[in-house]
């Protein structure tokens, strides 16, 4: 799996775009990658875009760990998981339920337009 990290300071948005095969270790290390970025600001919101994932899975224990970790972002930050694939959408819906205390402003969506609407951003293209 590869992940491309983009921080849009103007829109106050962190976008992590995943490609290829997904696995526990790489998803669990995302917070460290984000925190080390020079434009990181904990008041920003985030989109974790899994639309480019072609294979792999997250274990139940990894989903639980990810969901129960304290977020690196502020409690008021918005979190969006973009997951058009049914099985990935289901995994992140489970994570959303488990993360109600650590990430209260979380939604799982299937399209980028839904993500941008949730975040109050202008429509792309």
Protein backbone atom coordinates (compact mmCIF):
# COMPACT_ATOMS: atom_id res chain seq x y z
CA UNK A 1 0.00 0.00 0.00
CA UNK A 2 1.03 3.55 -0.59
CA UNK A 3 -0.39 6.66 0.98
CA UNK A 4 -0.18 10.19 -0.34
CA UNK A 5 -0.54 12.90 2.28
CA UNK A 6 -1.72 16.37 1.31
CA UNK A 7 -2.35 19.21 3.74
CA UNK A 8 -4.34 22.09 2.31
CA UNK A 9 -3.68 24.97 4.72
CA UNK A 10 -6.16 27.29 2.96
CA UNK A 11 -9.03 24.79 3.39
CA UNK A 12 -7.70 23.62 6.79
CA UNK A 13 -7.82 20.03 5.53
CA UNK A 14 -5.63 16.93 5.77
CA UNK A 15 -6.18 14.40 2.96
CA UNK A 16 -4.66 10.93 3.18
CA UNK A 17 -5.16 9.02 -0.06
CA UNK A 18 -4.53 5.28 0.07
CA UNK A 19 -3.63 3.18 -2.99
CA UNK A 20 -3.17 -0.55 -3.52
CA UNK A 21 -3.29 -3.11 -0.74
CA UNK A 22 -4.28 -1.96 2.73
CA UNK A 23 -2.87 -3.49 5.93
CA UNK A 24 -2.96 -2.92 9.68
CA UNK A 25 0.56 -1.54 10.19
CA UNK A 26 0.36 1.14 7.53
CA UNK A 27 -3.08 2.37 8.56
CA UNK A 28 -2.08 2.40 12.23
CA UNK A 29 1.05 4.47 11.42
CA UNK A 30 -0.92 7.20 9.61
CA UNK A 31 -1.14 9.46 12.68
CA UNK A 32 2.67 9.57 12.95
CA UNK A 33 2.97 10.44 9.26
CA UNK A 34 0.45 13.27 9.61
CA UNK A 35 1.97 14.61 12.82
CA UNK A 36 5.43 14.79 11.19
CA UNK A 37 4.22 16.89 8.23
CA UNK A 38 5.45 20.52 8.43
CA UNK A 39 1.95 21.92 7.75
CA UNK A 40 0.23 19.77 10.38
CA UNK A 41 -2.26 21.68 12.52
CA UNK A 42 -4.41 19.76 15.04
CA UNK A 43 -7.35 22.11 14.39
CA UNK A 44 -7.67 20.94 10.77
CA UNK A 45 -10.24 18.38 9.61
CA UNK A 46 -9.39 15.25 7.66
CA UNK A 47 -10.40 13.02 4.79
CA UNK A 48 -8.99 9.49 4.73
CA UNK A 49 -9.62 8.45 1.12
CA UNK A 50 -9.69 4.68 0.62
CA UNK A 51 -11.17 4.81 -2.90
CA UNK A 52 -7.85 3.67 -4.43
CA UNK A 53 -7.57 0.55 -2.26
CA UNK A 54 -7.54 -2.57 -4.41
CA UNK A 55 -6.94 -5.37 -1.88
CA UNK A 56 -6.24 -6.26 1.72
CA UNK A 57 -8.14 -5.86 4.93
CA UNK A 58 -7.94 -4.43 8.41
CA UNK A 59 -8.18 -6.80 11.34
CA UNK A 60 -10.82 -6.30 13.99
CA UNK A 61 -8.09 -5.65 16.55
CA UNK A 62 -6.56 -2.91 14.36
CA UNK A 63 -9.96 -1.27 13.87
CA UNK A 64 -10.53 -1.37 17.64
CA UNK A 65 -7.06 0.06 18.36
CA UNK A 66 -7.44 2.82 15.79
CA UNK A 67 -10.88 3.74 17.10
CA UNK A 68 -9.87 3.85 20.74
CA UNK A 69 -6.67 5.86 20.29
CA UNK A 70 -6.87 9.51 21.17
CA UNK A 71 -7.06 11.53 17.98
CA UNK A 72 -4.11 13.74 17.03
CA UNK A 73 -6.71 16.30 15.97
CA UNK A 74 -8.81 18.54 18.19
CA UNK A 75 -12.15 17.21 19.49
CA UNK A 76 -13.97 19.68 17.22
CA UNK A 77 -12.13 18.50 14.06
CA UNK A 78 -14.19 16.64 11.48
CA UNK A 79 -13.15 13.16 10.30
CA UNK A 80 -14.28 11.65 7.01
CA UNK A 81 -13.54 8.14 5.75
CA UNK A 82 -14.16 7.94 2.01
CA UNK A 83 -14.86 4.29 1.20
CA UNK A 84 -16.84 3.51 -1.96
CA UNK A 85 -16.16 -0.24 -1.73
CA UNK A 86 -18.77 -2.11 0.32
CA UNK A 87 -16.41 -4.13 2.51
CA UNK A 88 -14.20 -1.13 3.33
CA UNK A 89 -17.25 1.03 3.99
CA UNK A 90 -18.48 -1.60 6.47
CA UNK A 91 -15.15 -1.75 8.31
CA UNK A 92 -15.06 2.02 8.73
CA UNK A 93 -18.70 2.18 9.83
CA UNK A 94 -17.70 -0.24 12.62
CA UNK A 95 -14.75 2.03 13.42
CA UNK A 96 -17.06 5.04 13.48
CA UNK A 97 -19.28 3.42 16.11
CA UNK A 98 -16.26 2.39 18.20
CA UNK A 99 -14.75 5.89 17.95
CA UNK A 100 -17.72 7.87 19.25
CA UNK A 101 -15.68 9.08 22.26
CA UNK A 102 -12.32 9.65 20.56
CA UNK A 103 -13.59 11.10 17.26
CA UNK A 104 -17.15 12.35 17.79
CA UNK A 105 -17.36 14.21 14.47
CA UNK A 106 -16.85 11.25 12.15
CA UNK A 107 -18.71 10.13 9.07
CA UNK A 108 -18.14 7.37 6.52
CA UNK A 109 -19.14 8.24 2.96
CA UNK A 110 -18.95 6.70 -0.50
CA UNK A 111 -18.17 9.78 -2.65
CA UNK A 112 -15.85 12.78 -2.50
CA UNK A 113 -18.85 15.07 -2.96
CA UNK A 114 -20.44 13.61 0.21
CA UNK A 115 -17.14 14.15 2.05
CA UNK A 116 -16.85 17.75 0.90
CA UNK A 117 -20.50 18.44 1.80
CA UNK A 118 -20.00 17.07 5.33
CA UNK A 119 -16.95 19.33 5.72
CA UNK A 120 -18.72 22.36 4.24
CA UNK A 121 -16.28 22.63 1.33
CA UNK A 122 -17.02 23.64 -2.24
CA UNK A 123 -17.80 20.93 -4.75
CA UNK A 124 -14.82 19.74 -6.83
CA UNK A 125 -14.86 20.07 -10.60
